[in-house]
Amino acid sequence: MRKSMKKRIFLTLFAGLSASGTIMLCSMGNTNRVRRIEAKVAEAETEPVKPMFHVEEYCGRVAVFSSGRSEPFRYIDADIGLMPEYDRECLRRGIDFMTEDDLRSYIADITS
């Protein structure tokens, strides 16, 4: 009877330690995963997002520049003199677009 009691105690302790070890290993793995995700997010936040297109007044015309280029790849037929002052000022400063769809939408707005 005494041997049976010792065996039960041993098995209970072993099961508890096994469960604790499993929980500890899982939480350590989760902690590492969270740290990796946080590092990726921090890295992404520090990288500046560069626009794909830049539109500005260039030699009296509305010109579209591709990212990083100093010469326009396209001119837009829009009369700058007929635009509201706010739009002309925005063109003097330059307007950045992240997608081609945004650029198309802007071109449609100023040419219609």
C-alpha atoms as a PDB file:
ATOM      1  CA  MET A   1       0.000   0.000   0.000  1.00  0.00           C
ATOM      2  CA  ARG A   2       2.820   2.349   0.888  1.00  0.00           C
ATOM      3  CA  LYS A   3       4.558   1.607  -2.414  1.00  0.00           C
ATOM      4  CA  SER A   4       1.323   2.375  -4.300  1.00  0.00           C
ATOM      5  CA  MET A   5       1.012   5.729  -2.476  1.00  0.00           C
ATOM      6  CA  LYS A   6       4.583   6.706  -3.356  1.00  0.00           C
ATOM      7  CA  LYS A   7       3.947   5.768  -6.953  1.00  0.00           C
ATOM      8  CA  ARG A   8       0.826   7.984  -7.077  1.00  0.00           C
ATOM      9  CA  ILE A   9       2.701  10.919  -5.545  1.00  0.00           C
ATOM     10  CA  PHE A  10       5.542  10.468  -7.996  1.00  0.00           C
ATOM     11  CA  LEU A  11       3.184  10.286 -10.989  1.00  0.00           C
ATOM     12  CA  THR A  12       1.237  13.334  -9.781  1.00  0.00           C
ATOM     13  CA  LEU A  13       4.428  15.364  -9.349  1.00  0.00           C
ATOM     14  CA  PHE A  14       5.735  14.173 -12.708  1.00  0.00           C
ATOM     15  CA  ALA A  15       2.491  15.130 -14.453  1.00  0.00           C
ATOM     16  CA  GLY A  16       2.530  18.576 -12.776  1.00  0.00           C
ATOM     17  CA  LEU A  17       6.139  19.192 -13.760  1.00  0.00           C
ATOM     18  CA  SER A  18       5.459  18.037 -17.310  1.00  0.00           C
ATOM     19  CA  ALA A  19       2.469  20.356 -17.605  1.00  0.00           C
ATOM     20  CA  SER A  20       4.456  23.267 -16.127  1.00  0.00           C
ATOM     21  CA  GLY A  21       7.342  22.623 -18.497  1.00  0.00           C
ATOM     22  CA  THR A  22       5.029  22.524 -21.490  1.00  0.00           C
ATOM     23  CA  ILE A  23       3.360  25.781 -20.471  1.00  0.00           C
ATOM     24  CA  MET A  24       6.748  27.415 -19.935  1.00  0.00           C
ATOM     25  CA  LEU A  25       8.063  26.309 -23.338  1.00  0.00           C
ATOM     26  CA  CYS A  26       4.924  27.533 -25.098  1.00  0.00           C
ATOM     27  CA  SER A  27       5.058  30.922 -23.401  1.00  0.00           C
ATOM     28  CA  MET A  28       8.766  31.300 -24.263  1.00  0.00           C
ATOM     29  CA  GLY A  29       8.013  30.514 -27.898  1.00  0.00           C
ATOM     30  CA  ASN A  30       5.171  33.020 -27.935  1.00  0.00           C
ATOM     31  CA  THR A  31       7.406  35.671 -26.375  1.00  0.00           C
ATOM     32  CA  ASN A  32      10.012  35.161 -29.099  1.00  0.00           C
ATOM     33  CA  ARG A  33       7.349  35.379 -31.787  1.00  0.00           C
ATOM     34  CA  VAL A  34       5.989  38.618 -30.306  1.00  0.00           C
ATOM     35  CA  ARG A  35       9.513  40.098 -30.177  1.00  0.00           C
ATOM     36  CA  ARG A  36      10.116  39.230 -33.832  1.00  0.00           C
ATOM     37  CA  ILE A  37       6.817  40.829 -34.846  1.00  0.00           C
ATOM     38  CA  GLU A  38       7.579  43.973 -32.808  1.00  0.00           C
ATOM     39  CA  ALA A  39      11.006  44.209 -34.444  1.00  0.00           C
ATOM     40  CA  LYS A  40       9.469  43.953 -37.928  1.00  0.00           C
ATOM     41  CA  VAL A  41       6.874  46.611 -37.097  1.00  0.00           C
ATOM     42  CA  ALA A  42       9.542  48.955 -35.719  1.00  0.00           C
ATOM     43  CA  GLU A  43      11.663  48.389 -38.828  1.00  0.00           C
ATOM     44  CA  ALA A  44       8.713  49.111 -41.107  1.00  0.00           C
ATOM     45  CA  GLU A  45       7.924  52.321 -39.228  1.00  0.00           C
ATOM     46  CA  THR A  46      11.433  53.659 -39.721  1.00  0.00           C
ATOM     47  CA  GLU A  47      11.484  53.079 -43.482  1.00  0.00           C
ATOM     48  CA  PRO A  48      10.142  56.148 -45.276  1.00  0.00           C
ATOM     49  CA  VAL A  49       7.403  55.431 -47.786  1.00  0.00           C
ATOM     50  CA  LYS A  50       8.319  56.826 -51.188  1.00  0.00           C
ATOM     51  CA  PRO A  51       5.558  57.934 -53.519  1.00  0.00           C
ATOM     52  CA  MET A  52       5.366  56.348 -56.967  1.00  0.00           C
ATOM     53  CA  PHE A  53       4.501  59.601 -58.757  1.00  0.00           C
ATOM     54  CA  HIS A  54       5.054  63.296 -58.257  1.00  0.00           C
ATOM     55  CA  VAL A  55       3.039  66.000 -60.075  1.00  0.00           C
ATOM     56  CA  GLU A  56       4.143  69.615 -60.220  1.00  0.00           C
ATOM     57  CA  GLU A  57       4.293  72.672 -62.396  1.00  0.00           C
ATOM     58  CA  TYR A  58       7.268  72.337 -64.708  1.00  0.00           C
ATOM     59  CA  CYS A  59       8.104  74.965 -67.310  1.00  0.00           C
ATOM     60  CA  GLY A  60       4.567  76.373 -67.111  1.00  0.00           C
ATOM     61  CA  ARG A  61       2.923  72.988 -67.619  1.00  0.00           C
ATOM     62  CA  VAL A  62       1.599  70.249 -65.357  1.00  0.00           C
ATOM     63  CA  ALA A  63       4.158  67.445 -65.407  1.00  0.00           C
ATOM     64  CA  VAL A  64       4.178  63.931 -63.966  1.00  0.00           C
ATOM     65  CA  PHE A  65       7.434  62.562 -62.625  1.00  0.00           C
ATOM     66  CA  SER A  66       8.169  58.955 -61.840  1.00  0.00           C
ATOM     67  CA  SER A  67       9.657  58.303 -58.407  1.00  0.00           C
ATOM     68  CA  GLY A  68      13.270  59.447 -58.229  1.00  0.00           C
ATOM     69  CA  ARG A  69      13.370  60.938 -61.745  1.00  0.00           C
ATOM     70  CA  SER A  70      14.311  64.537 -62.486  1.00  0.00           C
ATOM     71  CA  GLU A  71      12.674  64.680 -65.930  1.00  0.00           C
ATOM     72  CA  PRO A  72       8.906  64.296 -66.403  1.00  0.00           C
ATOM     73  CA  PHE A  73       7.647  61.242 -68.218  1.00  0.00           C
ATOM     74  CA  ARG A  74       4.280  62.815 -69.040  1.00  0.00           C
ATOM     75  CA  TYR A  75       2.677  66.226 -69.419  1.00  0.00           C
ATOM     76  CA  ILE A  76      -0.981  66.870 -68.629  1.00  0.00           C
ATOM     77  CA  ASP A  77      -3.051  69.176 -70.812  1.00  0.00           C
ATOM     78  CA  ALA A  78      -4.487  71.396 -68.108  1.00  0.00           C
ATOM     79  CA  ASP A  79      -4.539  75.194 -68.119  1.00  0.00           C
ATOM     80  CA  ILE A  80      -2.865  76.225 -64.886  1.00  0.00           C
ATOM     81  CA  GLY A  81      -4.169  79.791 -65.246  1.00  0.00           C
ATOM     82  CA  LEU A  82      -7.780  78.578 -65.009  1.00  0.00           C
ATOM     83  CA  MET A  83      -7.189  76.585 -61.819  1.00  0.00           C
ATOM     84  CA  PRO A  84      -8.120  77.914 -58.376  1.00  0.00           C
ATOM     85  CA  GLU A  85      -5.260  79.540 -56.461  1.00  0.00           C
ATOM     86  CA  TYR A  86      -5.115  76.636 -53.981  1.00  0.00           C
ATOM     87  CA  ASP A  87      -4.605  74.093 -56.789  1.00  0.00           C
ATOM     88  CA  ARG A  88      -1.915  76.250 -58.397  1.00  0.00           C
ATOM     89  CA  GLU A  89      -0.082  76.523 -55.077  1.00  0.00           C
ATOM     90  CA  CYS A  90      -0.267  72.748 -54.590  1.00  0.00           C
ATOM     91  CA  LEU A  91       1.216  72.264 -58.052  1.00  0.00           C
ATOM     92  CA  ARG A  92       4.025  74.701 -57.289  1.00  0.00           C
ATOM     93  CA  ARG A  93       4.911  72.680 -54.197  1.00  0.00           C
ATOM     94  CA  GLY A  94       4.280  69.344 -55.876  1.00  0.00           C
ATOM     95  CA  ILE A  95       1.781  66.589 -55.146  1.00  0.00           C
ATOM     96  CA  ASP A  96       2.793  63.000 -54.385  1.00  0.00           C
ATOM     97  CA  PHE A  97       0.744  59.948 -55.332  1.00  0.00           C
ATOM     98  CA  MET A  98       1.258  56.445 -53.948  1.00  0.00           C
ATOM     99  CA  THR A  99      -0.682  54.582 -56.634  1.00  0.00           C
ATOM    100  CA  GLU A 100      -1.404  54.920 -60.331  1.00  0.00           C
ATOM    101  CA  ASP A 101      -5.140  54.911 -59.579  1.00  0.00           C
ATOM    102  CA  ASP A 102      -4.752  58.004 -57.375  1.00  0.00           C
ATOM    103  CA  LEU A 103      -2.776  59.704 -60.143  1.00  0.00           C
ATOM    104  CA  ARG A 104      -5.423  58.843 -62.768  1.00  0.00           C
ATOM    105  CA  SER A 105      -8.141  60.196 -60.518  1.00  0.00           C
ATOM    106  CA  TYR A 106      -6.267  63.468 -60.021  1.00  0.00           C
ATOM    107  CA  ILE A 107      -5.624  63.823 -63.767  1.00  0.00           C
ATOM    108  CA  ALA A 108      -9.327  63.224 -64.450  1.00  0.00           C
ATOM    109  CA  ASP A 109     -10.222  65.914 -61.891  1.00  0.00           C
ATOM    110  CA  ILE A 110      -7.978  68.628 -63.296  1.00  0.00           C
ATOM    111  CA  THR A 111      -8.682  67.918 -66.968  1.00  0.00           C
ATOM    112  CA  SER A 112     -12.463  67.798 -66.762  1.00  0.00           C
END
